[in-house]
Structure formats: structure tokens, C-alpha cells
């Protein structure tokens, strides 16, 4: 009996410590989930942003990442980068189409299907993932079939591991099907519908999610907060620039500014604006599927306008420059499955406008070259002036308000009118006016 009593006394502190430890564990604040918005066209900047968010969530040991989708779609290669980042994530990723009225169209639907949990808000839609060209146009039949099959295979690889229906998903590509939130839930394309983020966290609590290549995870969202990751101002600006319309116009403005600075050295402003626009355009072209033939034709057009002024091509160089720049704009962005959405004719119109501006600048430069020179050696030669002294080997004349040293091969009397025929440094060569008239 005494032994039991002593064991009981010794066990009390240990039990109290375990209770305190258990309380401390339950009272420890839960790490917040990470929220990131994909609310613009999907391009290389968007893909880089999503990859960065997932890396930071892994470093911060966040319980999961929420990608809130509201996008019309975008580039297929950037979409693949995003799906790879999601599938390779060490933390679960929840795709949420929201707020009400949002959409996950085209490439956005593929991203939604790549997520470990797919959720939509009421009044949203997802789908319409058919592959089209850069301007939204139909692709040639053979290319369209090839790219459609490739995109469909990608989508099947995303939905199959999580038990989502492949037929309903693939119809968004082959038949451009689009589903409302209720239709997507009925077809088991999404796990559930959530009104807002708090409702999303409530419905996620205790849910077992199936991950690709990783063990299943049970989410515990009780007391979980949300920390939002936003694009930096630079990323948002670059996201705007990384579109074919903006990139094409920046390139054209840069070329016009560079040409204007070459024709009027020291103007400064055209050179500054042109240089900035060219650098921004180079960034955009580095992340867009750009044709080097298109860039080459634009630069060739600029060279032709420059040669029109230097070689006086009687308009032929200017015509060649205009044609070259328009063709360059047509070929600048290949109209294939990787080309982003953009206004093709807007870029071509910009090239026509830039050509007209360059032609006007060239004509102005040519007209200025034809004007009589008013300064320098050209302004002195041909002037008729009076000799201030007798001139033979040397003498003086009065020209444009200044007295110049002069020499002549014929004797010149003081006061006689002479014509300036050459300039030798700080001395002019003259001859009597009557010699020119004979």
C-alpha cells in the first residue's frame, strides 16, 4: 500500500507536466494559409509570381496555399509552368474561383484542375479551354488537332489522379464547354462551392485531400488565418508590358525616338523616351514568343529611312522602309498556339503610323538639307563684299560684321567689290567681281 502511495505521489508531477504540455500544444497559434490572386492574363510574369508564392509558403511552413482565380486565360507554356509548380508543391494548393462573378476560362481552367482542391464561388464559371491562335482566331486544321490533343492529354493527366471525370473536363477543350459553379459541382469537377474565404476555410476543415505523388493530407483549418501575397508594383507593370499590343507599340515608339535623335542630335527628349521604350520592349519580347524575322524587318525599315536622308534615295528607301516595318509588325508575334491574346491589327496599325512619322521626319531632314547654308564655310562662299584694303598676296575684307584676312590671285584695289571663292582656315580667298562676270 505504501509503495502504491509513493508511485502515485511521483506520477502527479509528470501528469501535470503532460497536461500543461498538451494545453500548450493546443493553444499554439496555427500558421496562416497563403492567399494569392491570379486576376489577369496568364503569362511568364504570372507564372513567376505563382512559383514564388509557393516557394515562400513552403519556407514559411504554411498549411496550404489558396490561388484565387479570375482570369480569361493566356499562354499555354506559362500555364504548364504554373501546373508544374502546383504539382511539385510541398504544401497543398487550393484553387478557388472567386469572388462571385469571376471566371477561370481557358488556361485558368487547367490551373483549377491542377490544384489539390478545386472550389468555386456562387455565380462563377469555368471552362472554355479550346486552343486558339494569338488573336483568338481559328488555327489551321492540322495544327489545331495537334495542339488540342496535347492540351487534352495535359488536362487528363491533371484530373485523373484526383478522381475527377475526364470526359467532362476534356469537353472544355474539344467542345469549348463551360460550367457554372453548380454544374461543375454536379459533375464532380470541383469539390464544393464556397460563398467566400471564411466559408472556404470552414468546409476545408477535416477534409482529406488526394495529392499527386505525395501522401494524402487532412486539412485542419480551425483558427487558421490567411496572409495575402501580392504582386510587386514592378511585377504588375511588367505583367501589363508583357502583352503583344503593348510590347509592339513600345518597340515602334522606341525606334521612332531613336531615329528622331539620330536626325537631330542633342534633342535629348526623343532619345530618352526612345531608349526607355526600347528597353521595356526588349523585356517584353524576351518573355513573348517573338519572331526574330519580325524584329529584323523593323530594324531594316529604320535603316532604310536613315539611308533615305543620307543617300537621297528619291523616296525609294522611304517606301522600302515603310513596307519593311509593316511586314515586321505582321511577323513580330507568330500567330500560333503559344502566342498570347492581342490585337493583331492594332500592332500593324501602329507600324503604319510609325512609318508615316519616320517618313515625315525624313522629308523634313531632306528639306532642311536643301536650304541655303547660313553659317560656316558654305555661308561665306559666294558672298560679294568690299575690300577694306588693297589685296594681292594679303589684305582684309569685311564679311558678316567681322574683318577677315583675305588673299587674291589678282590685284584688288581698296573699295573694289570681290567674291569669296574659298575659305582657308581663318582666311578667305577672293577674286574681283569683274573677273567672275567675264
Protein backbone atom coordinates (compact mmCIF):
# COMPACT_ATOMS: atom_id res chain seq x y z
CA UNK A 1 0.00 0.00 0.00
CA UNK A 2 2.81 2.39 0.85
CA UNK A 3 4.54 1.54 -2.45
CA UNK A 4 1.39 2.44 -4.42
CA UNK A 5 1.12 5.66 -2.48
CA UNK A 6 4.68 6.65 -3.35
CA UNK A 7 4.13 5.78 -7.05
CA UNK A 8 1.01 7.93 -7.07
CA UNK A 9 2.89 10.85 -5.49
CA UNK A 10 5.70 10.56 -8.06
CA UNK A 11 3.26 10.31 -11.00
CA UNK A 12 1.39 13.51 -10.11
CA UNK A 13 4.11 16.00 -11.30
CA UNK A 14 4.61 14.01 -14.51
CA UNK A 15 0.90 14.00 -15.28
CA UNK A 16 0.64 17.71 -14.52
CA UNK A 17 3.52 18.38 -16.90
CA UNK A 18 1.87 16.36 -19.66
CA UNK A 19 -1.39 18.24 -19.16
CA UNK A 20 0.43 21.57 -19.33
CA UNK A 21 2.29 20.45 -22.46
CA UNK A 22 -0.97 19.30 -24.04
CA UNK A 23 -2.60 22.65 -23.26
CA UNK A 24 0.41 24.48 -24.66
CA UNK A 25 0.23 22.50 -27.91
CA UNK A 26 -3.46 23.21 -28.36
CA UNK A 27 -3.01 26.87 -27.53
CA UNK A 28 -0.16 27.39 -30.03
CA UNK A 29 -1.36 29.70 -32.82
CA UNK A 30 -1.88 27.98 -36.17
CA UNK A 31 0.24 29.14 -39.07
CA UNK A 32 -1.75 31.22 -41.57
CA UNK A 33 -2.60 29.95 -45.04
CA UNK A 34 -1.25 31.86 -48.04
CA UNK A 35 -3.60 33.57 -50.50
CA UNK A 36 -2.54 34.74 -53.99
CA UNK A 37 -4.70 36.23 -56.73
CA UNK A 38 -4.43 35.29 -60.41
CA UNK A 39 -6.60 38.09 -61.77
CA UNK A 40 -5.02 38.86 -65.15
CA UNK A 41 -3.89 37.19 -68.35
CA UNK A 42 -1.60 34.26 -67.71
CA UNK A 43 1.93 34.90 -68.96
CA UNK A 44 5.52 34.44 -67.86
CA UNK A 45 5.17 37.11 -65.15
CA UNK A 46 2.11 35.34 -63.69
CA UNK A 47 3.93 32.00 -63.72
CA UNK A 48 6.93 33.51 -61.92
CA UNK A 49 4.62 35.06 -59.31
CA UNK A 50 2.83 31.77 -58.57
CA UNK A 51 6.11 29.87 -58.30
CA UNK A 52 7.44 32.49 -55.86
CA UNK A 53 4.29 32.31 -53.72
CA UNK A 54 4.54 28.52 -53.46
CA UNK A 55 8.25 28.67 -52.56
CA UNK A 56 7.57 31.22 -49.82
CA UNK A 57 4.68 29.13 -48.49
CA UNK A 58 7.00 26.12 -48.24
CA UNK A 59 9.64 28.19 -46.45
CA UNK A 60 7.08 29.64 -44.03
CA UNK A 61 5.56 26.18 -43.45
CA UNK A 62 2.09 27.38 -44.35
CA UNK A 63 -0.63 24.68 -44.05
CA UNK A 64 -1.80 25.32 -47.64
CA UNK A 65 -1.92 27.86 -50.47
CA UNK A 66 -5.11 29.36 -51.93
CA UNK A 67 -4.96 30.50 -55.56
CA UNK A 68 -7.95 32.78 -56.15
CA UNK A 69 -8.69 32.67 -59.89
CA UNK A 70 -10.36 35.30 -62.04
CA UNK A 71 -8.68 35.08 -65.44
CA UNK A 72 -9.65 34.87 -69.12
CA UNK A 73 -6.69 32.56 -69.79
CA UNK A 74 -3.39 33.14 -71.52
CA UNK A 75 -0.28 31.39 -72.74
CA UNK A 76 -0.15 27.61 -72.76
CA UNK A 77 3.55 27.38 -71.91
CA UNK A 78 3.11 29.66 -68.88
CA UNK A 79 0.13 27.54 -67.82
CA UNK A 80 2.34 24.46 -67.91
CA UNK A 81 4.88 26.23 -65.69
CA UNK A 82 2.14 27.01 -63.17
CA UNK A 83 0.76 23.45 -63.17
CA UNK A 84 4.28 22.09 -62.64
CA UNK A 85 4.75 24.43 -59.68
CA UNK A 86 1.43 23.25 -58.19
CA UNK A 87 2.13 19.55 -58.69
CA UNK A 88 5.63 19.92 -57.25
CA UNK A 89 4.50 21.94 -54.23
CA UNK A 90 5.30 20.52 -50.80
CA UNK A 91 2.18 22.21 -49.39
CA UNK A 92 -1.38 21.57 -50.63
CA UNK A 93 -2.76 24.06 -53.15
CA UNK A 94 -6.44 25.07 -53.21
CA UNK A 95 -7.88 26.60 -56.37
CA UNK A 96 -10.77 28.98 -55.69
CA UNK A 97 -12.69 30.71 -58.49
CA UNK A 98 -13.91 33.87 -56.83
CA UNK A 99 -15.35 36.25 -55.91
CA UNK A 100 -18.89 35.80 -57.33
CA UNK A 101 -18.89 36.79 -60.99
CA UNK A 102 -15.31 35.60 -61.56
CA UNK A 103 -14.24 33.05 -64.15
CA UNK A 104 -11.47 30.54 -64.73
CA UNK A 105 -11.58 30.35 -68.51
CA UNK A 106 -9.25 28.64 -70.94
CA UNK A 107 -5.83 28.28 -69.26
CA UNK A 108 -7.41 29.25 -65.94
CA UNK A 109 -9.47 26.03 -66.04
CA UNK A 110 -6.32 23.94 -66.43
CA UNK A 111 -4.82 25.65 -63.39
CA UNK A 112 -8.00 24.98 -61.40
CA UNK A 113 -7.86 21.29 -62.31
CA UNK A 114 -4.19 21.11 -61.31
CA UNK A 115 -4.98 22.20 -57.74
CA UNK A 116 -5.35 19.64 -54.95
CA UNK A 117 -8.76 21.09 -54.09
CA UNK A 118 -10.97 22.83 -56.67
CA UNK A 119 -13.61 25.22 -55.36
CA UNK A 120 -15.87 27.81 -56.98
CA UNK A 121 -17.88 30.70 -55.56
CA UNK A 122 -21.58 31.09 -56.44
CA UNK A 123 -22.15 32.87 -59.74
CA UNK A 124 -18.80 31.88 -61.26
CA UNK A 125 -17.94 29.76 -64.29
CA UNK A 126 -15.00 27.74 -65.56
CA UNK A 127 -14.04 26.04 -68.81
CA UNK A 128 -13.96 27.08 -72.48
CA UNK A 129 -10.39 25.88 -72.80
CA UNK A 130 -10.29 25.35 -76.57
CA UNK A 131 -6.93 26.22 -78.09
CA UNK A 132 -6.96 29.23 -80.43
CA UNK A 133 -4.38 31.48 -82.05
CA UNK A 134 -2.84 34.60 -80.57
CA UNK A 135 -5.64 36.88 -81.76
CA UNK A 136 -8.43 34.43 -80.86
CA UNK A 137 -8.63 33.13 -84.45
CA UNK A 138 -9.09 29.52 -85.51
CA UNK A 139 -5.89 27.61 -86.15
CA UNK A 140 -5.25 25.54 -89.30
CA UNK A 141 -6.90 22.12 -89.05
CA UNK A 142 -3.75 20.02 -88.65
CA UNK A 143 -2.12 22.35 -86.12
CA UNK A 144 -5.40 22.74 -84.24
CA UNK A 145 -5.81 18.97 -83.89
CA UNK A 146 -2.23 18.52 -82.76
CA UNK A 147 -2.40 21.23 -80.10
CA UNK A 148 -5.90 20.21 -78.97
CA UNK A 149 -4.75 16.63 -78.36
CA UNK A 150 -1.71 17.87 -76.47
CA UNK A 151 -3.82 20.15 -74.24
CA UNK A 152 -6.39 17.38 -73.70
CA UNK A 153 -3.65 14.97 -72.62
CA UNK A 154 -2.36 17.57 -70.17
CA UNK A 155 -5.85 18.02 -68.73
CA UNK A 156 -6.40 14.25 -68.38
CA UNK A 157 -3.11 13.96 -66.51
CA UNK A 158 -4.32 16.65 -64.08
CA UNK A 159 -7.82 15.33 -63.31
CA UNK A 160 -7.27 11.55 -63.36
CA UNK A 161 -5.09 11.27 -60.20
CA UNK A 162 -7.74 13.09 -58.17
CA UNK A 163 -10.69 11.11 -59.47
CA UNK A 164 -12.29 13.96 -61.38
CA UNK A 165 -14.24 12.98 -64.53
CA UNK A 166 -12.01 13.11 -67.59
CA UNK A 167 -14.82 13.29 -70.16
CA UNK A 168 -16.41 16.41 -68.67
CA UNK A 169 -13.02 18.07 -68.28
CA UNK A 170 -11.81 17.29 -71.81
CA UNK A 171 -15.05 18.67 -73.30
CA UNK A 172 -13.87 22.15 -72.24
CA UNK A 173 -11.09 21.73 -74.83
CA UNK A 174 -12.72 19.66 -77.58
CA UNK A 175 -16.16 21.31 -77.42
CA UNK A 176 -15.35 24.61 -75.64
CA UNK A 177 -17.70 23.58 -72.81
CA UNK A 178 -18.04 25.92 -69.84
CA UNK A 179 -19.63 25.09 -66.49
CA UNK A 180 -21.33 27.15 -63.82
CA UNK A 181 -20.44 26.52 -60.20
CA UNK A 182 -23.41 24.16 -59.67
CA UNK A 183 -22.80 22.29 -62.92
CA UNK A 184 -19.13 21.81 -62.04
CA UNK A 185 -20.08 20.52 -58.59
CA UNK A 186 -22.66 18.10 -60.01
CA UNK A 187 -20.14 16.72 -62.49
CA UNK A 188 -17.56 16.31 -59.69
CA UNK A 189 -15.10 18.64 -61.40
CA UNK A 190 -14.84 20.64 -58.16
CA UNK A 191 -15.06 19.52 -54.57
CA UNK A 192 -17.63 22.06 -53.37
CA UNK A 193 -19.00 25.61 -53.66
CA UNK A 194 -17.93 28.23 -51.08
CA UNK A 195 -19.52 31.66 -50.67
CA UNK A 196 -16.32 33.38 -49.53
CA UNK A 197 -12.98 32.71 -47.87
CA UNK A 198 -14.38 32.07 -44.36
CA UNK A 199 -16.86 29.58 -45.82
CA UNK A 200 -13.99 28.00 -47.77
CA UNK A 201 -11.92 27.52 -44.59
CA UNK A 202 -14.91 26.03 -42.76
CA UNK A 203 -15.59 23.47 -45.49
CA UNK A 204 -11.91 22.57 -45.81
CA UNK A 205 -11.62 21.69 -42.11
CA UNK A 206 -11.10 17.96 -41.65
CA UNK A 207 -11.16 17.22 -45.39
CA UNK A 208 -8.76 14.58 -46.70
CA UNK A 209 -7.24 15.67 -49.99
CA UNK A 210 -5.57 13.47 -52.55
CA UNK A 211 -2.17 14.71 -53.68
CA UNK A 212 -0.24 13.69 -56.77
CA UNK A 213 2.97 11.84 -55.95
CA UNK A 214 2.63 12.66 -52.24
CA UNK A 215 0.74 11.19 -49.25
CA UNK A 216 -2.86 12.25 -48.68
CA UNK A 217 -3.28 15.19 -46.30
CA UNK A 218 -6.00 16.00 -43.78
CA UNK A 219 -6.51 19.76 -43.57
CA UNK A 220 -7.11 21.35 -40.18
CA UNK A 221 -8.34 24.90 -40.65
CA UNK A 222 -9.74 25.66 -37.20
CA UNK A 223 -8.26 29.01 -36.13
CA UNK A 224 -6.25 29.30 -39.35
CA UNK A 225 -5.76 32.83 -40.61
CA UNK A 226 -4.92 34.00 -44.11
CA UNK A 227 -1.97 36.09 -45.24
CA UNK A 228 -2.19 37.53 -48.74
CA UNK A 229 0.76 37.63 -51.12
CA UNK A 230 0.55 40.33 -53.76
CA UNK A 231 2.46 41.04 -56.91
CA UNK A 232 5.01 43.79 -56.51
CA UNK A 233 4.42 47.04 -58.36
CA UNK A 234 7.20 46.03 -60.74
CA UNK A 235 5.59 42.66 -61.44
CA UNK A 236 2.23 44.28 -62.15
CA UNK A 237 3.84 46.77 -64.51
CA UNK A 238 5.76 44.02 -66.27
CA UNK A 239 2.57 41.98 -66.50
CA UNK A 240 0.98 44.83 -68.44
CA UNK A 241 4.03 45.26 -70.66
CA UNK A 242 4.22 41.54 -71.43
CA UNK A 243 1.37 41.69 -73.94
CA UNK A 244 1.85 41.77 -77.71
CA UNK A 245 -0.02 45.03 -78.20
CA UNK A 246 1.93 46.99 -75.58
CA UNK A 247 5.25 45.36 -76.49
CA UNK A 248 4.78 46.10 -80.18
CA UNK A 249 3.87 49.74 -79.57
CA UNK A 250 6.80 50.22 -77.18
CA UNK A 251 9.16 48.83 -79.82
CA UNK A 252 7.77 51.14 -82.51
CA UNK A 253 7.89 54.20 -80.24
CA UNK A 254 11.46 53.33 -79.29
CA UNK A 255 12.51 53.08 -82.94
CA UNK A 256 10.87 56.41 -83.81
CA UNK A 257 12.53 58.09 -80.82
CA UNK A 258 15.93 56.66 -81.74
CA UNK A 259 15.57 57.84 -85.35
CA UNK A 260 14.49 61.32 -84.27
CA UNK A 261 17.54 61.60 -82.01
CA UNK A 262 19.86 60.50 -84.82
CA UNK A 263 18.41 63.13 -87.15
CA UNK A 264 18.55 65.87 -84.52
CA UNK A 265 21.49 65.10 -82.20
CA UNK A 266 21.14 66.91 -78.90
CA UNK A 267 17.34 66.98 -78.93
CA UNK A 268 17.64 64.70 -75.83
CA UNK A 269 13.90 64.12 -75.22
CA UNK A 270 13.32 61.76 -78.20
CA UNK A 271 16.45 59.85 -77.27
CA UNK A 272 15.41 59.44 -73.61
CA UNK A 273 11.86 58.33 -74.45
CA UNK A 274 13.07 56.08 -77.25
CA UNK A 275 15.71 54.45 -75.07
CA UNK A 276 13.28 53.73 -72.22
CA UNK A 277 10.67 52.32 -74.60
CA UNK A 278 13.25 50.13 -76.34
CA UNK A 279 14.47 48.65 -73.05
CA UNK A 280 10.91 47.92 -71.91
CA UNK A 281 10.15 46.40 -75.31
CA UNK A 282 13.24 44.17 -75.05
CA UNK A 283 11.98 42.83 -71.73
CA UNK A 284 8.53 42.12 -73.16
CA UNK A 285 10.00 40.45 -76.24
CA UNK A 286 12.14 38.23 -74.00
CA UNK A 287 9.02 36.67 -72.42
CA UNK A 288 6.84 36.63 -75.54
CA UNK A 289 7.03 34.18 -78.46
CA UNK A 290 8.71 36.68 -80.76
CA UNK A 291 9.83 36.18 -84.36
CA UNK A 292 13.39 37.36 -84.98
CA UNK A 293 12.43 37.88 -88.61
CA UNK A 294 9.85 40.44 -87.47
CA UNK A 295 12.40 42.28 -85.32
CA UNK A 296 14.92 42.20 -88.16
CA UNK A 297 12.43 43.70 -90.62
CA UNK A 298 11.60 46.52 -88.19
CA UNK A 299 15.27 47.38 -87.78
CA UNK A 300 15.80 47.14 -91.54
CA UNK A 301 12.94 49.58 -92.05
CA UNK A 302 14.60 52.04 -89.67
CA UNK A 303 17.88 51.68 -91.61
CA UNK A 304 16.09 52.39 -94.91
CA UNK A 305 14.64 55.65 -93.56
CA UNK A 306 18.11 56.66 -92.35
CA UNK A 307 19.60 55.92 -95.78
CA UNK A 308 16.87 57.96 -97.47
CA UNK A 309 18.25 61.07 -95.79
CA UNK A 310 21.94 60.25 -96.15
CA UNK A 311 21.89 59.00 -99.73
CA UNK A 312 18.90 60.91 -101.13
CA UNK A 313 17.13 57.83 -102.50
CA UNK A 314 14.35 59.90 -104.09
CA UNK A 315 11.74 58.18 -101.92
CA UNK A 316 12.72 54.59 -102.75
CA UNK A 317 14.40 53.98 -99.41
CA UNK A 318 11.41 55.53 -97.61
CA UNK A 319 8.98 53.25 -99.45
CA UNK A 320 11.15 50.24 -98.68
CA UNK A 321 11.33 51.29 -95.03
CA UNK A 322 7.55 51.57 -94.72
CA UNK A 323 6.97 48.17 -96.34
CA UNK A 324 9.66 46.57 -94.18
CA UNK A 325 8.18 47.94 -90.94
CA UNK A 326 4.63 46.81 -91.77
CA UNK A 327 5.86 43.32 -92.68
CA UNK A 328 7.91 43.27 -89.46
CA UNK A 329 4.79 44.06 -87.42
CA UNK A 330 2.88 41.27 -89.19
CA UNK A 331 5.61 38.72 -88.42
CA UNK A 332 6.59 40.05 -84.97
CA UNK A 333 4.30 37.73 -83.00
CA UNK A 334 3.70 34.30 -84.58
CA UNK A 335 0.00 33.54 -84.64
CA UNK A 336 0.31 30.09 -83.10
CA UNK A 337 -0.89 28.28 -80.01
CA UNK A 338 1.74 29.86 -77.77
CA UNK A 339 1.02 33.43 -78.79
CA UNK A 340 -0.79 35.46 -76.15
CA UNK A 341 -4.07 37.16 -76.88
CA UNK A 342 -3.59 40.53 -78.50
CA UNK A 343 -4.94 42.88 -81.12
CA UNK A 344 -3.02 41.89 -84.23
CA UNK A 345 -4.32 44.73 -86.37
CA UNK A 346 -3.60 47.26 -83.63
CA UNK A 347 0.11 46.41 -83.82
CA UNK A 348 0.04 46.57 -87.64
CA UNK A 349 -1.73 49.94 -87.46
CA UNK A 350 0.96 51.14 -85.09
CA UNK A 351 3.60 50.12 -87.64
CA UNK A 352 1.82 52.08 -90.37
CA UNK A 353 1.65 55.13 -88.10
CA UNK A 354 5.33 54.79 -87.15
CA UNK A 355 6.25 54.53 -90.84
CA UNK A 356 4.33 57.72 -91.59
CA UNK A 357 6.10 59.54 -88.75
CA UNK A 358 9.51 58.32 -89.91
CA UNK A 359 8.73 59.35 -93.49
CA UNK A 360 7.71 62.82 -92.30
CA UNK A 361 10.93 63.15 -90.29
CA UNK A 362 12.95 62.05 -93.33
CA UNK A 363 11.24 64.59 -95.61
CA UNK A 364 11.85 67.33 -93.08
CA UNK A 365 15.54 66.42 -92.85
CA UNK A 366 15.84 66.43 -96.66
CA UNK A 367 14.13 69.81 -96.96
CA UNK A 368 16.48 71.28 -94.37
CA UNK A 369 19.46 69.96 -96.29
CA UNK A 370 18.28 71.84 -99.40
CA UNK A 371 18.06 75.19 -97.58
CA UNK A 372 20.91 77.64 -98.22
CA UNK A 373 23.55 77.49 -95.55
CA UNK A 374 23.62 80.49 -93.26
CA UNK A 375 26.65 79.64 -91.15
CA UNK A 376 30.07 78.11 -91.65
CA UNK A 377 32.11 77.80 -94.84
CA UNK A 378 29.08 77.28 -97.07
CA UNK A 379 27.56 80.57 -95.95
CA UNK A 380 30.73 82.54 -96.81
CA UNK A 381 31.44 81.19 -100.27
CA UNK A 382 29.72 83.23 -102.99
CA UNK A 383 29.24 86.39 -100.96
CA UNK A 384 30.08 89.71 -102.64
CA UNK A 385 31.91 92.08 -100.29
CA UNK A 386 34.09 95.19 -100.48
CA UNK A 387 37.84 95.12 -99.95
CA UNK A 388 38.85 97.09 -96.87
CA UNK A 389 42.48 97.32 -98.10
CA UNK A 390 44.43 96.66 -101.23
CA UNK A 391 44.66 92.93 -101.71
CA UNK A 392 47.21 90.91 -103.56
CA UNK A 393 49.05 88.38 -101.52
CA UNK A 394 47.16 89.57 -98.45
CA UNK A 395 44.61 92.10 -97.40
CA UNK A 396 41.36 92.46 -95.48
CA UNK A 397 37.64 92.27 -96.29
CA UNK A 398 34.55 92.92 -94.19
CA UNK A 399 32.22 89.87 -94.02
CA UNK A 400 29.12 89.42 -91.85
CA UNK A 401 30.13 92.07 -89.35
CA UNK A 402 33.72 90.91 -89.00
CA UNK A 403 37.05 91.72 -90.71
CA UNK A 404 38.71 88.70 -92.36
CA UNK A 405 42.19 88.19 -93.71
CA UNK A 406 41.97 87.75 -97.49
CA UNK A 407 44.20 86.84 -100.43
CA UNK A 408 43.67 87.05 -104.16
CA UNK A 409 45.48 85.85 -107.27
CA UNK A 410 44.59 89.16 -108.99
CA UNK A 411 45.34 92.62 -107.71
CA UNK A 412 42.38 94.20 -105.88
CA UNK A 413 42.15 97.88 -105.05
CA UNK A 414 40.73 99.16 -101.83
CA UNK A 415 36.92 99.52 -102.04
CA UNK A 416 36.65 97.19 -105.02
CA UNK A 417 33.95 94.50 -104.80
CA UNK A 418 35.18 90.94 -104.64
CA UNK A 419 33.60 87.47 -104.47
CA UNK A 420 34.63 84.93 -101.84
CA UNK A 421 35.55 81.71 -103.65
CA UNK A 422 37.11 79.63 -100.87
CA UNK A 423 37.87 79.54 -97.17
CA UNK A 424 41.30 78.57 -95.86
CA UNK A 425 41.04 78.29 -92.11
CA UNK A 426 40.65 81.87 -90.83
CA UNK A 427 41.40 83.41 -94.23
CA UNK A 428 39.17 83.80 -97.30
CA UNK A 429 40.21 83.57 -100.95
CA UNK A 430 38.64 86.24 -103.15
CA UNK A 431 38.70 87.42 -106.73
CA UNK A 432 37.48 90.66 -108.29
CA UNK A 433 33.80 90.62 -109.22
CA UNK A 434 34.51 91.73 -112.82
CA UNK A 435 36.63 88.60 -113.27
CA UNK A 436 33.59 86.44 -112.49
CA UNK A 437 31.38 88.36 -114.87
CA UNK A 438 33.80 87.91 -117.82
